[in-house]
Amino acid sequence: MPAPAPAVDAAAGYGGNTASAPKQGIPTVVVSGDRNLILTAKIDMRSKDPWATSDRAQAIATGLGGDVLNLSQTGTADTRSATLTIRVPSSRFGDALQQLKSLEGEVQTSGVSAQDVTDQFIDLQARLTAKQAEEQRYIAILNRANTIDEILKVDASLGNVRTQIEQLTAQINSIKQRTDFSTISMSISTLSALPGDTTTKVWDPAKTVGRALAALGAMMQVFADALIWLIVFGWLPLLAFAAVLVAARARRPAAPTAPTA
């Protein structure tokens, strides 16, 4: 009999069907404890800081006894994004999804699926049991072999059976590993600020000083520009005023000469 798959809490279905994302949060699946299931989840979300969110997702995986299969963090400032794949014990799959729901951000799309491999697992175990019994028969025959020819023939058949046993064992272990650990893939992009967002911002003196220095620099630039214009074109009004004075004097009548006694 196959090892029973862990039960996963929540509401959807199972058996290879993908649960569609609800309006909010991440869907999970309800599975039967006597089935062997490969559980996977795909989550696309937005966050103010995708890198920090991906780091917290890693911490969730390791805290539940899982690990991180791959991680990519790209972009700068407001264009950051992250993608990662984590693996958690199937017995903690529901816990992992619940904790991922609590991450800062907004889930855009999500899906959970369960692939039922119970029949395949049972078939492989039955074939393995049969091959192991065949191996024992060949060993018994080998112990009774009297000639070198008999020994060589039995040994060749025994080697072939043992090769098949190794192959079946590897397939069983592969399925068991995928049913014991569930995979969750995440894609996290930057959450843009919504129009009219009145979220209180933390006062940052350094940013205030920077803005003040920038404003001072802009004012100094304006004053410098005005001074340059004054130096270059300021003599023109003076020249015009001097011309007016000269013209006024030229037009003024000469004072009458006093009569002599």
Protein backbone atom coordinates (compact mmCIF):
# COMPACT_ATOMS: atom_id res chain seq x y z
CA MET A 1 0.00 0.00 0.00
CA PRO A 2 1.27 3.50 -0.74
CA ALA A 3 2.16 5.93 1.99
CA PRO A 4 -0.87 8.18 2.50
CA ALA A 5 -0.58 11.73 1.25
CA PRO A 6 -0.97 14.48 3.85
CA ALA A 7 -4.30 16.19 4.07
CA VAL A 8 -4.32 19.83 3.01
CA ASP A 9 -6.84 22.27 4.39
CA ALA A 10 -8.96 24.75 2.40
CA ALA A 11 -11.57 24.57 -0.29
CA ALA A 12 -11.31 23.47 -3.89
CA GLY A 13 -10.89 20.03 -5.43
CA TYR A 14 -8.14 17.64 -6.28
CA GLY A 15 -7.04 15.04 -8.78
CA GLY A 16 -5.03 17.11 -11.22
CA ASN A 17 -7.50 19.99 -11.45
CA THR A 18 -6.28 23.52 -10.92
CA ALA A 19 -8.26 25.65 -8.48
CA SER A 20 -9.01 29.10 -9.82
CA ALA A 21 -8.01 32.15 -7.79
CA PRO A 22 -10.67 33.76 -5.62
CA LYS A 23 -11.21 37.50 -5.49
CA GLN A 24 -8.81 37.77 -2.57
CA GLY A 25 -6.09 35.49 -1.24
CA ILE A 26 -4.64 32.23 -2.51
CA PRO A 27 -6.73 29.08 -3.07
CA THR A 28 -5.77 25.77 -1.52
CA VAL A 29 -7.02 22.25 -2.13
CA VAL A 30 -8.78 19.58 -0.11
CA VAL A 31 -7.17 16.18 -0.60
CA SER A 32 -7.87 12.72 0.65
CA GLY A 33 -5.39 11.35 3.16
CA ASP A 34 -5.22 7.93 1.48
CA ARG A 35 -4.09 9.24 -1.92
CA ASN A 36 -0.62 10.01 -3.26
CA LEU A 37 -0.74 13.54 -4.68
CA ILE A 38 1.83 15.89 -6.19
CA LEU A 39 0.77 19.35 -4.98
CA THR A 40 1.87 22.53 -6.76
CA ALA A 41 0.90 26.19 -6.56
CA LYS A 42 1.53 29.26 -8.75
CA ILE A 43 1.21 32.79 -7.34
CA ASP A 44 1.56 36.12 -9.16
CA MET A 45 1.47 39.14 -6.88
CA ARG A 46 2.49 42.79 -6.57
CA SER A 47 4.32 44.33 -3.64
CA LYS A 48 5.81 47.69 -2.71
CA ASP A 49 9.19 45.95 -2.27
CA PRO A 50 9.33 42.69 -4.28
CA TRP A 51 12.82 41.87 -3.04
CA ALA A 52 11.81 42.12 0.62
CA THR A 53 8.66 40.09 -0.06
CA SER A 54 10.65 37.34 -1.78
CA ASP A 55 13.05 37.26 1.18
CA ARG A 56 10.12 36.77 3.54
CA ALA A 57 8.76 33.99 1.30
CA GLN A 58 12.13 32.25 1.57
CA ALA A 59 11.97 32.54 5.35
CA ILE A 60 8.50 30.97 5.32
CA ALA A 61 9.77 27.99 3.31
CA THR A 62 12.79 27.35 5.51
CA GLY A 63 10.75 27.88 8.66
CA LEU A 64 8.38 25.08 7.59
CA GLY A 65 11.23 22.68 6.89
CA GLY A 66 11.46 23.37 3.15
CA ASP A 67 14.01 25.02 0.91
CA VAL A 68 14.44 27.40 -2.02
CA LEU A 69 14.93 25.81 -5.45
CA ASN A 70 15.66 29.05 -7.32
CA LEU A 71 15.53 32.81 -6.82
CA SER A 72 15.91 35.81 -9.13
CA GLN A 73 15.78 39.47 -8.04
CA THR A 74 16.03 42.11 -10.77
CA GLY A 75 15.42 45.82 -11.34
CA THR A 76 16.16 48.94 -9.32
CA ALA A 77 14.13 51.33 -7.18
CA ASP A 78 10.54 51.39 -8.53
CA THR A 79 11.12 48.67 -11.14
CA ARG A 80 12.13 45.81 -8.87
CA SER A 81 10.78 42.31 -9.44
CA ALA A 82 11.46 38.85 -8.10
CA THR A 83 10.72 35.25 -9.06
CA LEU A 84 11.32 32.24 -6.87
CA THR A 85 10.38 28.60 -6.45
CA ILE A 86 10.14 27.16 -2.96
CA ARG A 87 9.55 23.62 -1.75
CA VAL A 88 7.80 22.72 1.49
CA PRO A 89 6.77 19.41 3.08
CA SER A 90 3.37 18.41 1.76
CA SER A 91 2.14 18.14 5.33
CA ARG A 92 2.81 21.90 5.67
CA PHE A 93 1.52 22.90 2.21
CA GLY A 94 -1.64 24.47 3.64
CA ASP A 95 0.37 26.30 6.31
CA ALA A 96 2.71 27.68 3.65
CA LEU A 97 -0.16 29.05 1.57
CA GLN A 98 -1.77 30.62 4.62
CA GLN A 99 1.48 32.38 5.54
CA LEU A 100 2.06 33.52 1.96
CA LYS A 101 -1.39 35.11 2.06
CA SER A 102 -0.21 37.33 4.91
CA LEU A 103 2.72 38.77 2.94
CA GLU A 104 2.59 42.50 2.20
CA GLY A 105 1.21 43.02 -1.29
CA GLU A 106 -1.67 42.20 -3.60
CA VAL A 107 -2.30 38.79 -5.17
CA GLN A 108 -3.14 39.14 -8.87
CA THR A 109 -3.53 35.52 -9.94
CA SER A 110 -3.03 32.22 -8.17
CA GLY A 111 -3.72 28.57 -8.68
CA VAL A 112 -3.27 25.28 -6.85
CA SER A 113 -3.24 21.85 -8.45
CA ALA A 114 -2.98 18.26 -7.25
CA GLN A 115 -1.83 15.41 -9.51
CA ASP A 116 -3.01 12.02 -8.32
CA VAL A 117 -0.24 9.41 -8.77
CA THR A 118 -1.68 6.76 -6.45
CA ASP A 119 -2.28 4.18 -9.19
CA GLN A 120 1.18 4.68 -10.64
CA PHE A 121 2.73 4.36 -7.18
CA ILE A 122 0.84 1.11 -6.45
CA ASP A 123 1.79 -0.35 -9.84
CA LEU A 124 5.47 0.40 -9.33
CA GLN A 125 5.43 -1.11 -5.85
CA ALA A 126 3.75 -4.27 -7.15
CA ARG A 127 6.32 -4.62 -9.94
CA LEU A 128 9.14 -4.04 -7.45
CA THR A 129 7.79 -6.74 -5.13
CA ALA A 130 7.57 -9.18 -8.03
CA LYS A 131 11.12 -8.45 -9.17
CA GLN A 132 12.46 -8.83 -5.64
CA ALA A 133 10.78 -12.24 -5.40
CA GLU A 134 12.28 -13.16 -8.79
CA GLU A 135 15.69 -12.08 -7.49
CA GLN A 136 15.40 -14.46 -4.56
CA ARG A 137 14.48 -17.34 -6.88
CA TYR A 138 17.55 -16.71 -9.01
CA ILE A 139 19.71 -16.59 -5.91
CA ALA A 140 18.33 -19.97 -4.83
CA ILE A 141 18.98 -21.43 -8.30
CA LEU A 142 22.48 -19.97 -8.29
CA ASN A 143 23.24 -21.71 -5.01
CA ARG A 144 22.23 -25.06 -6.56
CA ALA A 145 24.09 -24.56 -9.85
CA ASN A 146 26.75 -27.26 -10.46
CA THR A 147 28.41 -26.19 -13.70
CA ILE A 148 30.11 -22.98 -14.78
CA ASP A 149 27.67 -22.66 -17.69
CA GLU A 150 24.69 -22.79 -15.31
CA ILE A 151 26.33 -20.29 -12.99
CA LEU A 152 27.00 -17.83 -15.83
CA LYS A 153 23.45 -18.06 -17.20
CA VAL A 154 21.82 -17.62 -13.79
CA ASP A 155 24.19 -14.79 -12.87
CA ALA A 156 23.33 -12.92 -16.10
CA SER A 157 19.61 -13.27 -15.42
CA LEU A 158 20.14 -12.20 -11.81
CA GLY A 159 22.05 -9.10 -12.94
CA ASN A 160 19.24 -8.15 -15.32
CA VAL A 161 16.63 -8.51 -12.57
CA ARG A 162 18.68 -6.41 -10.16
CA THR A 163 18.99 -3.66 -12.80
CA GLN A 164 15.20 -3.59 -13.11
CA ILE A 165 14.88 -3.48 -9.32
CA GLU A 166 17.16 -0.42 -9.22
CA GLN A 167 15.13 1.32 -11.93
CA LEU A 168 11.82 0.64 -10.19
CA THR A 169 13.25 1.79 -6.86
CA ALA A 170 14.45 5.05 -8.44
CA GLN A 171 11.00 5.71 -9.94
CA ILE A 172 9.30 5.03 -6.62
CA ASN A 173 11.71 7.31 -4.77
CA SER A 174 11.17 10.06 -7.36
CA ILE A 175 7.40 9.93 -6.94
CA LYS A 176 7.72 9.73 -3.17
CA GLN A 177 9.93 12.82 -3.11
CA ARG A 178 7.43 14.79 -5.20
CA THR A 179 4.53 13.71 -3.00
CA ASP A 180 6.43 14.34 0.23
CA PHE A 181 7.39 17.89 -0.87
CA SER A 182 5.14 20.39 -2.63
CA THR A 183 6.37 23.14 -4.96
CA ILE A 184 5.21 26.76 -4.92
CA SER A 185 6.29 29.17 -7.69
CA MET A 186 6.00 32.92 -7.11
CA SER A 187 6.33 35.97 -9.36
CA ILE A 188 6.41 39.34 -7.59
CA SER A 189 6.31 42.73 -9.34
CA THR A 190 6.29 46.29 -8.02
CA LEU A 191 3.00 47.64 -6.66
CA SER A 192 2.56 51.18 -7.97
CA ALA A 193 1.10 53.81 -5.68
CA LEU A 194 -2.60 54.30 -6.33
CA PRO A 195 -3.96 57.80 -7.17
CA GLY A 196 -5.11 59.62 -4.06
CA ASP A 197 -3.09 57.37 -1.80
CA THR A 198 -3.05 59.14 1.57
CA THR A 199 -0.83 56.65 3.33
CA THR A 200 1.18 58.43 6.03
CA LYS A 201 4.81 58.65 5.05
CA VAL A 202 7.65 58.53 7.55
CA TRP A 203 9.51 61.83 7.84
CA ASP A 204 13.03 61.56 6.49
CA PRO A 205 15.26 64.54 7.46
CA ALA A 206 17.88 63.55 4.91
CA LYS A 207 15.36 63.77 2.07
CA THR A 208 14.12 67.13 3.39
CA VAL A 209 17.67 68.51 3.46
CA GLY A 210 18.22 67.21 -0.05
CA ARG A 211 15.09 68.89 -1.36
CA ALA A 212 16.03 72.15 0.41
CA LEU A 213 19.52 72.12 -1.09
CA ALA A 214 18.05 71.42 -4.51
CA ALA A 215 15.66 74.38 -4.13
CA LEU A 216 18.54 76.63 -2.97
CA GLY A 217 20.61 75.59 -5.96
CA ALA A 218 17.73 76.39 -8.29
CA MET A 219 17.30 79.85 -6.72
CA MET A 220 21.01 80.60 -6.95
CA GLN A 221 20.91 79.59 -10.61
CA VAL A 222 18.05 82.02 -11.24
CA PHE A 223 19.92 84.86 -9.51
CA ALA A 224 23.09 84.06 -11.43
CA ASP A 225 21.20 84.06 -14.72
CA ALA A 226 19.60 87.42 -13.87
CA LEU A 227 23.01 88.91 -13.00
CA ILE A 228 24.50 87.72 -16.27
CA TRP A 229 21.62 89.26 -18.23
CA LEU A 230 22.04 92.51 -16.29
CA ILE A 231 25.76 92.67 -17.01
CA VAL A 232 25.30 91.94 -20.70
CA PHE A 233 22.31 94.21 -21.39
CA GLY A 234 22.24 96.59 -18.40
CA TRP A 235 24.32 99.32 -20.17
CA LEU A 236 21.68 99.74 -22.88
CA PRO A 237 19.22 101.70 -20.70
CA LEU A 238 22.09 103.90 -19.47
CA LEU A 239 23.17 104.59 -23.02
CA ALA A 240 19.61 105.51 -24.00
CA PHE A 241 19.30 107.81 -20.98
CA ALA A 242 22.60 109.57 -21.89
CA ALA A 243 21.39 110.05 -25.47
CA VAL A 244 18.18 111.63 -24.19
CA LEU A 245 20.15 114.03 -22.01
CA VAL A 246 22.40 115.04 -24.89
CA ALA A 247 19.45 115.65 -27.17
CA ALA A 248 17.67 117.67 -24.51
CA ARG A 249 20.68 119.93 -24.05
CA ALA A 250 21.09 120.40 -27.76
CA ARG A 251 17.51 121.55 -28.11
CA ARG A 252 17.60 123.92 -25.10
CA PRO A 253 17.76 127.63 -26.30
CA ALA A 254 20.86 129.57 -25.38
CA ALA A 255 20.54 131.96 -22.45
CA PRO A 256 20.22 135.70 -23.55
CA THR A 257 23.32 137.83 -23.21
CA ALA A 258 23.14 140.53 -20.53
CA PRO A 259 23.30 144.17 -21.99
CA THR A 260 26.46 146.05 -21.35
CA ALA A 261 26.34 149.34 -19.40
